[in-house]
Amino acid sequence: MEERNFMETKPLVPLLMSMAMPMMLSMLVQSLYNIIDSIYVSRLGTEALTAVSLAFPLQNIVLAVAVGVGVGISALLARSLGQKDQEQANAAASWGVLLSVIHCILFVGAGILVTKPFLSLFTENASILRQACDYTYIVMCLSFGCLMQIAMEKIYQGLGAMKTTMILLGTGCIINIILDPILIFGYLGFPAMGVSGAAIATVTGQIAAFFLYVIVYCVKNPGVTIHWRYLKGYAHVIRPIYAVGIPSTLMMMLPSVLVGVLNGILTAFSEVYVAVLGVYFKLQTFIYLPVSGIVQGMRPLVSYNYGAGKFGRVRGFIRHSLFASGLIMLLGTLVSLAIPGALLRLFDADEALLQAGVPALRIISLGFLVSTVGVVFSGVFEALGQGTLSLCISLLRQLVITLILGFLLSRIWQATGVWVAFPIAEFAAAIAACVFLKRFHGGVFFPFGAGNADDEVR
């Protein structure tokens, strides 16, 4: 237990950076492989890129469940360690692994039953539908690698072992990057499998990362024990895991719902806008994933110090996380405004995609900087065990306002109305997030205004 005292004693900025930097690097690598994935697929033509874009909502649901439950595990584990309750920490990790196994089984059934009916809602093009189904069947039915890898990743993050997660996540991403061209285009004697090759490369990287976690855990116990004996008598940990995990899962599912509905709106104007939206979501991961790395580094620190009653340190971590995330978002805004065409050409964009995509990227990027508040505060509420408040912020950011305004404004400005809805939603969500945190626990965690980051308030 004393090994983790650094979470409540080390100076704020060095500690946050030591936790966040490995995750930022991991997220950058992950965002790189997501973009490279799409770059390779784009070489197969716009139809293939559209097919993978249509598959995104179902693929993201798998990731949402994995990360959502993982965040619940990590938050409970870190709070338990802050309260010096090792047994409950062991139970959180053990139950988290079992719940993830159950989710693996459920997604096999969902992949078989849901894939084709869902994708058929968004295209009548037989070639696009076939490629989208080929891709989605693989990533859904072989999703155990994603689910189990992320469960282990969140356990290690809850322990503060960020370097381990950086190395293993990065290894899985690199395997994916290497396999992409080999399996998509048929190099080194492999058959050319097209979008199916991209899917196989993705799940192979995830499965490899999971098995590496198992090996690392077996070689050295990280500070928490995963064992069946912690299942009996500790079923009460399921509730706090899902109290954070379900809202976090729903929060991550929002892009799937958003993309699904917006695809329906955009196809009324042209299928090229569906490709634009798909490319945007690939590009924005390169901005948001490093920020997610900061939030992931912040989250166990907030959970641990909240459990330990060191509320002043919690506020300090929030303040510094906002500043670091804001710098990344500002850079993303400037790049998107300055060279949107160059970014789109990474995906072998033709003239139609460029004409539709350049103004779209410039408009949407106007909301990047202000979205810092919503993203960071959502992570704060997850760390504090307040999953519902985190979900409310994300609903405003990624669903309610965007969909309502996107539908209404598209009646006036067509596709441009959809793009305008994005920054408006970010501004509204930032205001709501500030209100929520200001009112929570008497405003003791609100990072703006007076307050000594070294004080302790109970």
Protein backbone atom coordinates (compact mmCIF):
# COMPACT_ATOMS: atom_id res chain seq x y z
CA MET A 1 0.00 0.00 0.00
CA GLU A 2 2.81 2.39 0.81
CA GLU A 3 4.08 2.00 -2.75
CA ARG A 4 1.11 4.10 -3.87
CA ASN A 5 1.53 6.89 -1.28
CA PHE A 6 3.07 8.95 -4.08
CA MET A 7 -0.49 9.58 -5.27
CA GLU A 8 -1.17 11.69 -2.18
CA THR A 9 2.29 13.12 -1.48
CA LYS A 10 4.12 13.89 -4.74
CA PRO A 11 3.85 17.50 -6.07
CA LEU A 12 0.83 17.98 -8.34
CA VAL A 13 2.28 18.90 -11.72
CA PRO A 14 5.15 16.35 -11.80
CA LEU A 15 2.76 13.64 -10.60
CA LEU A 16 0.05 14.48 -13.13
CA MET A 17 2.56 14.59 -15.97
CA SER A 18 4.20 11.32 -14.89
CA MET A 19 0.77 9.69 -15.01
CA ALA A 20 -0.54 11.49 -18.09
CA MET A 21 2.47 11.47 -20.42
CA PRO A 22 2.59 7.67 -20.88
CA MET A 23 -1.14 7.68 -21.59
CA MET A 24 -0.83 10.64 -23.97
CA LEU A 25 1.86 8.78 -25.90
CA SER A 26 -0.32 5.68 -25.93
CA MET A 27 -3.31 7.65 -27.17
CA LEU A 28 -1.20 9.32 -29.85
CA VAL A 29 -0.05 5.92 -31.09
CA GLN A 30 -3.63 4.67 -30.99
CA SER A 31 -4.90 7.69 -32.90
CA LEU A 32 -2.09 7.19 -35.40
CA TYR A 33 -3.09 3.59 -36.07
CA ASN A 34 -6.76 4.61 -36.41
CA ILE A 35 -5.80 7.17 -39.04
CA ILE A 36 -3.37 4.82 -40.81
CA ASP A 37 -6.14 2.20 -40.83
CA SER A 38 -8.40 4.60 -42.73
CA ILE A 39 -5.58 5.79 -45.00
CA TYR A 40 -4.96 2.23 -46.16
CA VAL A 41 -8.68 1.55 -46.57
CA SER A 42 -9.09 4.78 -48.56
CA ARG A 43 -6.68 3.34 -51.14
CA LEU A 44 -9.41 0.81 -51.93
CA GLY A 45 -11.76 3.62 -52.97
CA THR A 46 -14.48 5.84 -51.51
CA GLU A 47 -16.88 2.89 -51.26
CA ALA A 48 -14.52 1.05 -48.93
CA LEU A 49 -14.01 4.16 -46.80
CA THR A 50 -17.77 4.67 -46.62
CA ALA A 51 -18.23 1.02 -45.62
CA VAL A 52 -15.81 1.36 -42.69
CA SER A 53 -17.51 4.64 -41.70
CA LEU A 54 -20.87 2.85 -41.59
CA ALA A 55 -19.34 0.13 -39.40
CA PHE A 56 -18.08 2.71 -36.89
CA PRO A 57 -21.25 2.90 -34.72
CA LEU A 58 -21.32 -0.85 -33.94
CA GLN A 59 -17.55 -1.01 -33.50
CA ASN A 60 -17.72 1.92 -31.13
CA ILE A 61 -20.37 0.19 -29.01
CA VAL A 62 -17.87 -2.59 -28.25
CA LEU A 63 -15.26 -0.02 -27.29
CA ALA A 64 -17.84 1.88 -25.22
CA VAL A 65 -18.75 -1.13 -23.12
CA ALA A 66 -15.10 -2.07 -22.66
CA VAL A 67 -13.98 1.40 -21.60
CA GLY A 68 -17.13 2.18 -19.62
CA VAL A 69 -16.87 -0.88 -17.40
CA GLY A 70 -13.10 -0.40 -17.25
CA VAL A 71 -13.53 3.15 -15.94
CA GLY A 72 -15.90 1.84 -13.28
CA ILE A 73 -13.34 -0.78 -12.23
CA SER A 74 -10.48 1.72 -12.19
CA ALA A 75 -12.40 4.37 -10.21
CA LEU A 76 -13.54 1.91 -7.52
CA LEU A 77 -10.12 0.30 -7.32
CA ALA A 78 -8.30 3.63 -6.88
CA ARG A 79 -10.81 4.91 -4.31
CA SER A 80 -10.50 1.64 -2.38
CA LEU A 81 -6.72 1.98 -2.29
CA GLY A 82 -7.07 5.60 -1.14
CA GLN A 83 -9.27 4.32 1.69
CA LYS A 84 -6.63 1.64 2.43
CA ASP A 85 -9.10 -1.18 1.63
CA GLN A 86 -6.97 -3.74 -0.24
CA GLU A 87 -9.61 -6.49 -0.14
CA GLN A 88 -12.19 -4.35 -1.90
CA ALA A 89 -9.59 -3.34 -4.48
CA ASN A 90 -8.93 -7.03 -5.19
CA ALA A 91 -12.67 -7.64 -5.48
CA ALA A 92 -13.11 -4.73 -7.92
CA ALA A 93 -10.43 -6.16 -10.21
CA SER A 94 -11.73 -9.75 -9.98
CA TRP A 95 -15.36 -8.87 -10.62
CA GLY A 96 -14.30 -6.52 -13.40
CA VAL A 97 -12.59 -9.36 -15.26
CA LEU A 98 -15.62 -11.66 -14.84
CA LEU A 99 -18.05 -9.00 -16.06
CA SER A 100 -15.85 -8.42 -19.11
CA VAL A 101 -15.93 -12.14 -19.95
CA ILE A 102 -19.74 -12.05 -19.84
CA HIS A 103 -19.75 -9.05 -22.18
CA CYS A 104 -17.52 -10.96 -24.65
CA ILE A 105 -20.16 -13.67 -24.99
CA LEU A 106 -22.98 -11.16 -25.46
CA PHE A 107 -21.16 -9.37 -28.28
CA VAL A 108 -20.70 -12.56 -30.29
CA GLY A 109 -24.48 -12.96 -30.38
CA ALA A 110 -25.00 -9.28 -31.12
CA GLY A 111 -22.51 -9.38 -33.98
CA ILE A 112 -24.30 -12.28 -35.65
CA LEU A 113 -27.83 -10.96 -35.20
CA VAL A 114 -27.56 -7.18 -35.49
CA THR A 115 -24.85 -6.42 -38.08
CA LYS A 116 -26.65 -6.76 -41.41
CA PRO A 117 -30.06 -5.38 -40.33
CA PHE A 118 -28.39 -2.33 -38.80
CA LEU A 119 -26.07 -1.54 -41.69
CA SER A 120 -28.88 -2.03 -44.22
CA LEU A 121 -30.58 1.02 -42.73
CA PHE A 122 -27.91 3.34 -44.10
CA THR A 123 -27.11 2.21 -47.63
CA GLU A 124 -28.73 0.54 -50.62
CA ASN A 125 -25.38 0.11 -52.36
CA ALA A 126 -24.74 -3.66 -52.41
CA SER A 127 -20.95 -3.29 -52.55
CA ILE A 128 -20.80 -0.88 -49.61
CA LEU A 129 -23.15 -3.07 -47.56
CA ARG A 130 -21.13 -6.22 -48.26
CA GLN A 131 -17.83 -4.60 -47.26
CA ALA A 132 -19.36 -3.00 -44.16
CA CYS A 133 -20.79 -6.37 -43.06
CA ASP A 134 -17.47 -8.16 -43.67
CA TYR A 135 -15.67 -5.63 -41.48
CA THR A 136 -18.28 -5.51 -38.72
CA TYR A 137 -18.76 -9.28 -38.31
CA ILE A 138 -15.05 -9.62 -37.55
CA VAL A 139 -14.69 -6.75 -35.08
CA MET A 140 -17.91 -7.72 -33.23
CA CYS A 141 -17.54 -11.50 -33.04
CA LEU A 142 -13.84 -11.33 -32.13
CA SER A 143 -14.25 -8.43 -29.73
CA PHE A 144 -12.96 -10.40 -26.72
CA GLY A 145 -9.48 -8.99 -27.35
CA CYS A 146 -10.74 -5.43 -27.07
CA LEU A 147 -12.93 -6.10 -24.02
CA MET A 148 -10.34 -8.06 -22.03
CA GLN A 149 -7.40 -5.87 -23.00
CA ILE A 150 -9.18 -2.72 -21.83
CA ALA A 151 -10.34 -4.36 -18.58
CA MET A 152 -6.72 -5.14 -17.75
CA GLU A 153 -5.60 -1.71 -18.93
CA LYS A 154 -8.01 0.04 -16.55
CA ILE A 155 -6.94 -2.15 -13.64
CA TYR A 156 -3.32 -1.16 -14.20
CA GLN A 157 -4.32 2.51 -14.60
CA GLY A 158 -6.18 2.38 -11.28
CA LEU A 159 -2.92 1.25 -9.71
CA GLY A 160 -1.02 4.12 -11.32
CA ALA A 161 1.02 1.76 -13.56
CA MET A 162 0.82 4.05 -16.57
CA LYS A 163 4.11 2.98 -18.16
CA THR A 164 2.93 -0.61 -18.33
CA THR A 165 -0.31 0.38 -20.06
CA MET A 166 1.62 2.64 -22.44
CA ILE A 167 3.95 -0.16 -23.52
CA LEU A 168 1.27 -2.81 -23.94
CA LEU A 169 -1.26 -0.57 -25.66
CA GLY A 170 1.47 0.71 -27.96
CA THR A 171 2.53 -2.84 -28.79
CA GLY A 172 -1.00 -3.78 -29.83
CA CYS A 173 -1.26 -0.66 -31.99
CA ILE A 174 2.07 -1.34 -33.70
CA ILE A 175 1.01 -4.90 -34.50
CA ASN A 176 -2.13 -3.48 -36.10
CA ILE A 177 -0.16 -0.94 -38.13
CA ILE A 178 2.24 -3.63 -39.42
CA LEU A 179 -0.53 -6.05 -40.34
CA ASP A 180 -2.78 -3.47 -42.06
CA PRO A 181 -1.00 -3.25 -45.45
CA ILE A 182 -0.05 -6.93 -45.38
CA LEU A 183 -3.63 -8.14 -44.96
CA ILE A 184 -5.45 -5.39 -46.87
CA PHE A 185 -3.31 -5.54 -50.03
CA GLY A 186 -1.92 -9.08 -49.77
CA TYR A 187 1.82 -8.65 -49.17
CA LEU A 188 4.31 -11.33 -48.04
CA GLY A 189 2.27 -14.13 -49.55
CA PHE A 190 -0.98 -13.29 -47.79
CA PRO A 191 -4.19 -12.96 -49.85
CA ALA A 192 -5.51 -9.43 -50.42
CA MET A 193 -8.51 -9.24 -48.07
CA GLY A 194 -9.52 -5.59 -48.44
CA VAL A 195 -11.59 -4.18 -45.57
CA SER A 196 -11.71 -7.65 -43.98
CA GLY A 197 -7.92 -7.48 -43.71
CA ALA A 198 -8.19 -4.18 -41.86
CA ALA A 199 -10.62 -5.75 -39.40
CA ILE A 200 -8.41 -8.80 -38.85
CA ALA A 201 -5.39 -6.55 -38.23
CA THR A 202 -7.38 -4.60 -35.64
CA VAL A 203 -8.58 -7.59 -33.62
CA THR A 204 -5.16 -9.28 -33.83
CA GLY A 205 -3.50 -6.26 -32.23
CA GLN A 206 -6.12 -6.21 -29.46
CA ILE A 207 -5.82 -9.92 -28.72
CA ALA A 208 -2.03 -9.69 -28.65
CA ALA A 209 -2.18 -6.81 -26.15
CA PHE A 210 -4.52 -8.80 -23.89
CA PHE A 211 -2.24 -11.83 -23.81
CA LEU A 212 0.71 -9.57 -23.02
CA TYR A 213 -1.23 -8.22 -20.01
CA VAL A 214 -1.82 -11.79 -18.83
CA ILE A 215 1.89 -12.57 -19.13
CA VAL A 216 2.91 -9.38 -17.28
CA TYR A 217 0.41 -10.07 -14.49
CA CYS A 218 1.62 -13.66 -14.08
CA VAL A 219 5.25 -12.57 -13.93
CA LYS A 220 4.69 -9.90 -11.28
CA ASN A 221 1.65 -9.02 -9.20
CA PRO A 222 0.98 -5.30 -9.84
CA GLY A 223 -0.46 -4.61 -6.39
CA VAL A 224 -3.91 -6.12 -6.76
CA THR A 225 -4.90 -9.79 -6.88
CA ILE A 226 -7.36 -11.16 -9.44
CA HIS A 227 -8.82 -14.41 -8.07
CA TRP A 228 -12.13 -16.25 -7.92
CA ARG A 229 -12.15 -16.10 -4.10
CA TYR A 230 -12.86 -12.36 -4.28
CA LEU A 231 -16.09 -13.04 -6.17
CA LYS A 232 -17.83 -14.68 -3.23
CA GLY A 233 -18.84 -12.22 -0.55
CA TYR A 234 -17.93 -9.17 -2.61
CA ALA A 235 -20.82 -8.99 -5.05
CA HIS A 236 -21.59 -5.54 -3.64
CA VAL A 237 -18.76 -4.11 -5.77
CA ILE A 238 -20.82 -4.73 -8.92
CA ARG A 239 -23.07 -1.79 -8.13
CA PRO A 240 -20.36 0.90 -7.86
CA ILE A 241 -18.62 -0.52 -10.94
CA TYR A 242 -21.78 -0.17 -13.00
CA ALA A 243 -22.80 3.10 -11.31
CA VAL A 244 -19.84 4.63 -13.14
CA GLY A 245 -19.54 2.04 -15.90
CA ILE A 246 -23.07 2.27 -17.33
CA PRO A 247 -23.10 6.08 -17.68
CA SER A 248 -19.55 5.95 -19.03
CA THR A 249 -20.58 3.26 -21.54
CA LEU A 250 -23.61 5.27 -22.62
CA MET A 251 -21.37 8.32 -22.91
CA MET A 252 -19.02 6.49 -25.26
CA MET A 253 -21.94 5.07 -27.24
CA LEU A 254 -23.13 8.57 -28.00
CA PRO A 255 -20.83 8.99 -31.03
CA SER A 256 -22.30 5.76 -32.43
CA VAL A 257 -25.84 7.06 -32.05
CA LEU A 258 -24.78 10.48 -33.28
CA VAL A 259 -23.02 9.14 -36.37
CA GLY A 260 -25.88 6.76 -37.12
CA VAL A 261 -28.52 9.49 -37.04
CA LEU A 262 -26.35 12.11 -38.78
CA ASN A 263 -25.59 9.59 -41.53
CA GLY A 264 -29.32 9.34 -42.06
CA ILE A 265 -29.60 13.15 -42.30
CA LEU A 266 -26.54 13.55 -44.54
CA THR A 267 -27.40 10.81 -47.03
CA ALA A 268 -30.43 12.88 -48.01
CA PHE A 269 -27.98 15.38 -49.52
CA SER A 270 -25.14 13.14 -50.75
CA GLU A 271 -23.26 10.00 -49.66
CA VAL A 272 -20.03 12.01 -49.85
CA TYR A 273 -21.07 13.74 -46.62
CA VAL A 274 -21.16 10.33 -44.91
CA ALA A 275 -17.53 9.86 -45.94
CA VAL A 276 -16.73 13.40 -44.68
CA LEU A 277 -18.26 12.60 -41.29
CA GLY A 278 -16.34 9.33 -41.12
CA VAL A 279 -13.06 11.04 -41.97
CA TYR A 280 -13.74 13.78 -39.40
CA PHE A 281 -14.23 11.23 -36.62
CA LYS A 282 -10.96 9.60 -37.60
CA LEU A 283 -9.12 12.94 -37.60
CA GLN A 284 -10.62 14.21 -34.35
CA THR A 285 -9.31 11.16 -32.52
CA PHE A 286 -5.81 12.48 -33.18
CA ILE A 287 -6.78 15.52 -31.08
CA TYR A 288 -9.10 14.00 -28.49
CA LEU A 289 -7.14 10.84 -27.72
CA PRO A 290 -4.10 12.72 -26.30
CA VAL A 291 -6.55 14.71 -24.18
CA SER A 292 -8.11 11.41 -23.16
CA GLY A 293 -4.61 10.39 -22.09
CA ILE A 294 -4.46 13.38 -19.76
CA VAL A 295 -7.91 12.54 -18.37
CA GLN A 296 -6.88 8.92 -17.86
CA GLY A 297 -3.79 10.07 -16.01
CA MET A 298 -5.87 12.45 -13.91
CA ARG A 299 -8.68 10.02 -13.10
CA PRO A 300 -6.88 7.63 -10.68
CA LEU A 301 -5.24 10.63 -8.96
CA VAL A 302 -8.61 12.26 -8.39
CA SER A 303 -10.18 8.97 -7.25
CA TYR A 304 -7.33 8.11 -4.88
CA ASN A 305 -7.11 11.55 -3.30
CA TYR A 306 -10.89 11.80 -3.05
CA GLY A 307 -10.88 8.50 -1.16
CA ALA A 308 -8.05 9.79 1.03
CA GLY A 309 -9.95 13.04 1.77
CA LYS A 310 -7.34 15.30 0.12
CA PHE A 311 -9.81 17.53 -1.69
CA GLY A 312 -7.39 20.39 -2.30
CA ARG A 313 -5.15 18.09 -4.33
CA VAL A 314 -8.19 16.95 -6.29
CA ARG A 315 -8.90 20.56 -7.29
CA GLY A 316 -5.27 21.09 -8.25
CA PHE A 317 -5.26 18.05 -10.53
CA ILE A 318 -8.41 19.30 -12.26
CA ARG A 319 -6.92 22.75 -12.82
CA HIS A 320 -3.68 21.47 -14.33
CA SER A 321 -5.53 18.92 -16.48
CA LEU A 322 -7.65 21.70 -17.97
CA PHE A 323 -4.59 23.74 -18.86
CA ALA A 324 -2.70 20.86 -20.51
CA SER A 325 -5.78 19.68 -22.41
CA GLY A 326 -6.56 23.21 -23.56
CA LEU A 327 -3.14 23.55 -25.18
CA ILE A 328 -3.71 20.39 -27.23
CA MET A 329 -7.19 21.52 -28.27
CA LEU A 330 -5.85 24.94 -29.30
CA LEU A 331 -3.22 23.30 -31.48
CA GLY A 332 -5.86 21.08 -33.07
CA THR A 333 -8.03 24.10 -33.83
CA LEU A 334 -5.18 26.02 -35.49
CA VAL A 335 -4.13 23.05 -37.64
CA SER A 336 -7.72 22.33 -38.72
CA LEU A 337 -8.29 25.95 -39.69
CA ALA A 338 -4.97 26.33 -41.49
CA ILE A 339 -4.55 23.12 -43.50
CA PRO A 340 -7.85 21.17 -43.67
CA GLY A 341 -7.17 20.14 -47.28
CA ALA A 342 -3.85 18.56 -46.38
CA LEU A 343 -5.50 16.58 -43.59
CA LEU A 344 -8.20 15.29 -45.93
CA ARG A 345 -5.64 14.33 -48.57
CA LEU A 346 -4.20 11.86 -46.07
CA PHE A 347 -7.28 9.81 -46.93
CA ASP A 348 -6.71 10.10 -50.68
CA ALA A 349 -9.63 12.51 -50.88
CA ASP A 350 -10.99 13.18 -54.36
CA GLU A 351 -12.24 16.61 -55.45
CA ALA A 352 -15.79 15.98 -54.21
CA LEU A 353 -14.57 14.92 -50.77
CA LEU A 354 -12.29 17.96 -50.55
CA GLN A 355 -15.02 20.40 -51.52
CA ALA A 356 -17.36 18.97 -48.90
CA GLY A 357 -14.75 18.27 -46.23
CA VAL A 358 -12.70 21.49 -46.04
CA PRO A 359 -15.53 23.77 -44.82
CA ALA A 360 -16.87 21.00 -42.59
CA LEU A 361 -13.55 20.57 -40.75
CA ARG A 362 -13.08 24.32 -40.33
CA ILE A 363 -16.55 24.81 -38.86
CA ILE A 364 -16.46 21.85 -36.49
CA SER A 365 -12.97 22.76 -35.21
CA LEU A 366 -14.33 26.01 -33.76
CA GLY A 367 -15.65 23.95 -30.85
CA PHE A 368 -12.43 22.10 -30.02
CA LEU A 369 -10.98 24.50 -27.45
CA VAL A 370 -14.16 25.01 -25.43
CA SER A 371 -14.79 21.25 -25.46
CA THR A 372 -11.85 20.97 -23.04
CA VAL A 373 -14.16 21.84 -20.16
CA GLY A 374 -16.74 19.19 -21.01
CA VAL A 375 -14.17 16.45 -21.62
CA VAL A 376 -12.13 17.06 -18.46
CA PHE A 377 -15.12 17.61 -16.17
CA SER A 378 -16.74 14.40 -17.46
CA GLY A 379 -13.59 12.54 -16.40
CA VAL A 380 -13.66 14.27 -13.02
CA PHE A 381 -17.21 13.14 -12.29
CA GLU A 382 -16.34 9.57 -13.30
CA ALA A 383 -13.41 9.62 -10.89
CA LEU A 384 -15.67 10.92 -8.12
CA GLY A 385 -18.18 8.13 -8.72
CA GLN A 386 -20.75 10.50 -10.22
CA GLY A 387 -21.34 8.74 -13.51
CA THR A 388 -24.77 10.30 -14.06
CA LEU A 389 -23.40 13.86 -14.08
CA SER A 390 -20.67 12.80 -16.48
CA LEU A 391 -23.31 11.29 -18.75
CA CYS A 392 -25.39 14.48 -18.66
CA ILE A 393 -22.44 16.53 -19.90
CA SER A 394 -21.75 14.06 -22.68
CA LEU A 395 -25.41 13.93 -23.71
CA LEU A 396 -25.29 17.66 -24.28
CA ARG A 397 -21.94 17.48 -26.09
CA GLN A 398 -22.50 14.50 -28.31
CA LEU A 399 -26.19 13.91 -28.77
CA VAL A 400 -29.06 16.13 -27.68
CA ILE A 401 -27.98 19.56 -28.91
CA THR A 402 -26.02 18.29 -31.92
CA LEU A 403 -28.90 16.17 -33.20
CA ILE A 404 -31.65 18.71 -32.62
CA LEU A 405 -29.71 21.61 -34.10
CA GLY A 406 -28.24 19.42 -36.83
CA PHE A 407 -31.71 18.39 -37.97
CA LEU A 408 -33.18 21.88 -37.77
CA LEU A 409 -30.25 23.73 -39.33
CA SER A 410 -29.92 21.15 -42.11
CA ARG A 411 -33.38 22.23 -43.26
CA ILE A 412 -31.90 25.68 -43.84
CA TRP A 413 -28.21 25.16 -44.73
CA GLN A 414 -28.22 21.45 -45.67
CA ALA A 415 -24.98 19.70 -44.60
CA THR A 416 -23.48 22.97 -43.33
CA GLY A 417 -26.22 23.10 -40.71
CA VAL A 418 -25.02 19.77 -39.32
CA TRP A 419 -21.44 21.02 -39.05
CA VAL A 420 -22.52 24.24 -37.27
CA ALA A 421 -24.34 22.19 -34.61
CA PHE A 422 -21.05 20.72 -33.33
CA PRO A 423 -19.40 23.87 -31.87
CA ILE A 424 -22.72 25.17 -30.50
CA ALA A 425 -23.17 21.91 -28.57
CA GLU A 426 -19.65 22.19 -27.11
CA PHE A 427 -20.30 25.70 -25.80
CA ALA A 428 -23.59 24.67 -24.17
CA ALA A 429 -22.05 21.56 -22.59
CA ALA A 430 -19.12 23.57 -21.17
CA ILE A 431 -21.53 25.92 -19.42
CA ALA A 432 -23.52 23.02 -17.98
CA ALA A 433 -20.34 21.26 -16.82
CA CYS A 434 -19.23 24.35 -14.90
CA VAL A 435 -22.63 24.61 -13.23
CA PHE A 436 -22.57 20.95 -12.19
CA LEU A 437 -19.09 21.07 -10.68
CA LYS A 438 -19.75 24.40 -8.98
CA ARG A 439 -22.76 22.92 -7.20
CA PHE A 440 -21.24 19.52 -6.42
CA HIS A 441 -19.97 19.12 -2.84
CA GLY A 442 -20.27 22.85 -2.18
CA GLY A 443 -18.01 23.71 -5.11
CA VAL A 444 -14.86 22.52 -3.32
CA PHE A 445 -13.56 20.89 -6.52
CA PHE A 446 -14.32 23.80 -8.85
CA PRO A 447 -10.92 24.74 -10.33
CA PHE A 448 -11.59 28.37 -11.25
CA GLY A 449 -11.26 31.16 -8.70
CA ALA A 450 -9.68 31.23 -5.26
CA GLY A 451 -8.52 28.09 -3.52
CA ASN A 452 -5.33 26.59 -2.14
CA ALA A 453 -4.43 23.44 -4.01
CA ASP A 454 -2.56 22.17 -0.94
CA ASP A 455 -5.41 22.44 1.55
CA GLU A 456 -7.43 19.46 2.73
CA VAL A 457 -11.17 19.75 3.24
CA ARG A 458 -13.39 17.03 4.60
